[in-house]
Amino acid sequence: MSDAGGAVEITRLDDRHRYELVVDGARAGFAQYRLEPGRVVFTHTVIKPEYEGRGLGSRLAKHVLDEAVARGERIVPECPFIAAYLRRHGDYEATVDWP
């Protein structure tokens, strides 16, 4: 992936229960989750202030949600950022269990 602001990578780190978003080799943010049987609960999402306003949070949200859907997991949005993204993108509604 590339962005006007540099190369972007999103990696799932199962041992840390998070996805990390890296821009040009520097960690720019993350989405924390916990797994439950058949569900992924998103608990916290952070984009560092110096990376805000570049659409990176939305890019991260779309990536983690698309992966959950592809794995057949139900999505539980405890994180306010992920919940707001889901409200704006109703195409995920069939896979969401609202807390």
C-alpha atoms as a PDB file:
ATOM      1  CA  MET A   1       0.000   0.000   0.000  1.00  0.00           C
ATOM      2  CA  SER A   2       1.166   3.513  -0.540  1.00  0.00           C
ATOM      3  CA  ASP A   3      -0.187   6.856   0.545  1.00  0.00           C
ATOM      4  CA  ALA A   4       0.549  10.416  -0.464  1.00  0.00           C
ATOM      5  CA  GLY A   5       2.435  10.605   2.832  1.00  0.00           C
ATOM      6  CA  GLY A   6       4.502   7.451   2.343  1.00  0.00           C
ATOM      7  CA  ALA A   7       4.432   3.667   2.296  1.00  0.00           C
ATOM      8  CA  VAL A   8       1.740   2.205   4.572  1.00  0.00           C
ATOM      9  CA  GLU A   9       1.721  -1.295   6.072  1.00  0.00           C
ATOM     10  CA  ILE A  10      -0.897  -2.889   8.329  1.00  0.00           C
ATOM     11  CA  THR A  11       0.168  -6.009  10.187  1.00  0.00           C
ATOM     12  CA  ARG A  12      -1.771  -8.289  12.527  1.00  0.00           C
ATOM     13  CA  LEU A  13       0.238  -9.153  15.626  1.00  0.00           C
ATOM     14  CA  ASP A  14      -1.634 -12.018  17.291  1.00  0.00           C
ATOM     15  CA  ASP A  15       0.754 -12.188  20.240  1.00  0.00           C
ATOM     16  CA  ARG A  16      -0.059  -8.540  21.066  1.00  0.00           C
ATOM     17  CA  HIS A  17      -3.773  -8.696  20.097  1.00  0.00           C
ATOM     18  CA  ARG A  18      -3.453  -5.740  17.786  1.00  0.00           C
ATOM     19  CA  TYR A  19      -3.038  -4.561  14.249  1.00  0.00           C
ATOM     20  CA  GLU A  20      -0.243  -2.068  13.769  1.00  0.00           C
ATOM     21  CA  LEU A  21      -0.226   0.623  11.116  1.00  0.00           C
ATOM     22  CA  VAL A  22       3.250   1.651   9.978  1.00  0.00           C
ATOM     23  CA  VAL A  23       4.076   4.599   7.702  1.00  0.00           C
ATOM     24  CA  ASP A  24       7.568   4.676   6.206  1.00  0.00           C
ATOM     25  CA  GLY A  25       8.818   2.295   8.900  1.00  0.00           C
ATOM     26  CA  ALA A  26       7.385   4.250  11.859  1.00  0.00           C
ATOM     27  CA  ARG A  27       4.427   3.018  13.894  1.00  0.00           C
ATOM     28  CA  ALA A  28       1.624   5.511  13.273  1.00  0.00           C
ATOM     29  CA  GLY A  29      -1.199   3.741  15.075  1.00  0.00           C
ATOM     30  CA  PHE A  30      -2.879   0.512  16.080  1.00  0.00           C
ATOM     31  CA  ALA A  31      -6.212  -1.228  16.591  1.00  0.00           C
ATOM     32  CA  GLN A  32      -6.413  -3.385  19.725  1.00  0.00           C
ATOM     33  CA  TYR A  33      -8.711  -6.420  19.806  1.00  0.00           C
ATOM     34  CA  ARG A  34      -9.583  -9.519  21.797  1.00  0.00           C
ATOM     35  CA  LEU A  35     -10.812 -12.773  20.367  1.00  0.00           C
ATOM     36  CA  GLU A  36     -13.864 -14.599  21.616  1.00  0.00           C
ATOM     37  CA  PRO A  37     -15.332 -17.740  20.059  1.00  0.00           C
ATOM     38  CA  GLY A  38     -16.511 -16.679  16.593  1.00  0.00           C
ATOM     39  CA  ARG A  39     -16.079 -12.975  17.396  1.00  0.00           C
ATOM     40  CA  VAL A  40     -13.460 -10.262  17.353  1.00  0.00           C
ATOM     41  CA  VAL A  41     -13.994  -7.448  19.842  1.00  0.00           C
ATOM     42  CA  PHE A  42     -12.290  -4.192  18.861  1.00  0.00           C
ATOM     43  CA  THR A  43     -11.405  -2.399  22.090  1.00  0.00           C
ATOM     44  CA  HIS A  44      -9.171   0.560  21.251  1.00  0.00           C
ATOM     45  CA  THR A  45      -7.822   2.359  18.174  1.00  0.00           C
ATOM     46  CA  VAL A  46      -5.121   5.029  18.124  1.00  0.00           C
ATOM     47  CA  ILE A  47      -3.582   7.133  15.378  1.00  0.00           C
ATOM     48  CA  LYS A  48      -0.692   9.263  16.609  1.00  0.00           C
ATOM     49  CA  PRO A  49      -1.441  13.007  16.386  1.00  0.00           C
ATOM     50  CA  GLU A  50       1.264  13.658  13.820  1.00  0.00           C
ATOM     51  CA  TYR A  51      -0.458  11.198  11.428  1.00  0.00           C
ATOM     52  CA  GLU A  52      -4.029  12.432  11.870  1.00  0.00           C
ATOM     53  CA  GLY A  53      -5.965  13.961   8.991  1.00  0.00           C
ATOM     54  CA  ARG A  54      -4.504  11.640   6.360  1.00  0.00           C
ATOM     55  CA  GLY A  55      -7.256   9.015   6.299  1.00  0.00           C
ATOM     56  CA  LEU A  56      -5.056   6.464   8.040  1.00  0.00           C
ATOM     57  CA  GLY A  57      -7.585   5.676  10.772  1.00  0.00           C
ATOM     58  CA  SER A  58     -10.242   4.872   8.186  1.00  0.00           C
ATOM     59  CA  ARG A  59      -7.764   2.805   6.229  1.00  0.00           C
ATOM     60  CA  LEU A  60      -6.894   0.843   9.372  1.00  0.00           C
ATOM     61  CA  ALA A  61     -10.570   0.358  10.289  1.00  0.00           C
ATOM     62  CA  LYS A  62     -11.463  -0.910   6.805  1.00  0.00           C
ATOM     63  CA  HIS A  63      -8.535  -3.330   6.830  1.00  0.00           C
ATOM     64  CA  VAL A  64      -9.308  -4.871  10.229  1.00  0.00           C
ATOM     65  CA  LEU A  65     -13.033  -5.117   9.519  1.00  0.00           C
ATOM     66  CA  ASP A  66     -12.512  -6.669   6.087  1.00  0.00           C
ATOM     67  CA  GLU A  67     -10.184  -9.253   7.625  1.00  0.00           C
ATOM     68  CA  ALA A  68     -12.745 -10.117  10.312  1.00  0.00           C
ATOM     69  CA  VAL A  69     -15.444 -10.565   7.661  1.00  0.00           C
ATOM     70  CA  ALA A  70     -13.113 -12.717   5.521  1.00  0.00           C
ATOM     71  CA  ARG A  71     -12.455 -14.990   8.527  1.00  0.00           C
ATOM     72  CA  GLY A  72     -16.190 -15.293   9.199  1.00  0.00           C
ATOM     73  CA  GLU A  73     -15.970 -13.573  12.589  1.00  0.00           C
ATOM     74  CA  ARG A  74     -18.687 -11.427  14.125  1.00  0.00           C
ATOM     75  CA  ILE A  75     -17.533  -7.878  14.825  1.00  0.00           C
ATOM     76  CA  VAL A  76     -18.096  -6.310  18.251  1.00  0.00           C
ATOM     77  CA  PRO A  77     -17.193  -2.589  18.266  1.00  0.00           C
ATOM     78  CA  GLU A  78     -16.379  -1.558  21.842  1.00  0.00           C
ATOM     79  CA  CYS A  79     -13.928   1.014  20.461  1.00  0.00           C
ATOM     80  CA  PRO A  80     -15.676   4.321  19.703  1.00  0.00           C
ATOM     81  CA  PHE A  81     -13.617   4.871  16.542  1.00  0.00           C
ATOM     82  CA  ILE A  82     -14.485   1.460  15.065  1.00  0.00           C
ATOM     83  CA  ALA A  83     -18.140   1.943  16.089  1.00  0.00           C
ATOM     84  CA  ALA A  84     -18.247   5.335  14.328  1.00  0.00           C
ATOM     85  CA  TYR A  85     -16.685   3.840  11.202  1.00  0.00           C
ATOM     86  CA  LEU A  86     -19.282   1.064  11.189  1.00  0.00           C
ATOM     87  CA  ARG A  87     -22.124   3.585  11.526  1.00  0.00           C
ATOM     88  CA  ARG A  88     -20.827   5.391   8.425  1.00  0.00           C
ATOM     89  CA  HIS A  89     -20.313   2.148   6.461  1.00  0.00           C
ATOM     90  CA  GLY A  90     -23.518   0.129   6.715  1.00  0.00           C
ATOM     91  CA  ASP A  91     -22.267  -2.645   4.442  1.00  0.00           C
ATOM     92  CA  TYR A  92     -20.799  -4.347   7.547  1.00  0.00           C
ATOM     93  CA  GLU A  93     -24.106  -4.360   9.477  1.00  0.00           C
ATOM     94  CA  ALA A  94     -24.863  -8.050   8.810  1.00  0.00           C
ATOM     95  CA  THR A  95     -21.662  -9.019  10.640  1.00  0.00           C
ATOM     96  CA  VAL A  96     -21.868  -6.630  13.639  1.00  0.00           C
ATOM     97  CA  ASP A  97     -22.974  -7.465  17.178  1.00  0.00           C
ATOM     98  CA  TRP A  98     -23.415  -4.064  18.827  1.00  0.00           C
ATOM     99  CA  PRO A  99     -22.411  -4.071  22.515  1.00  0.00           C
END
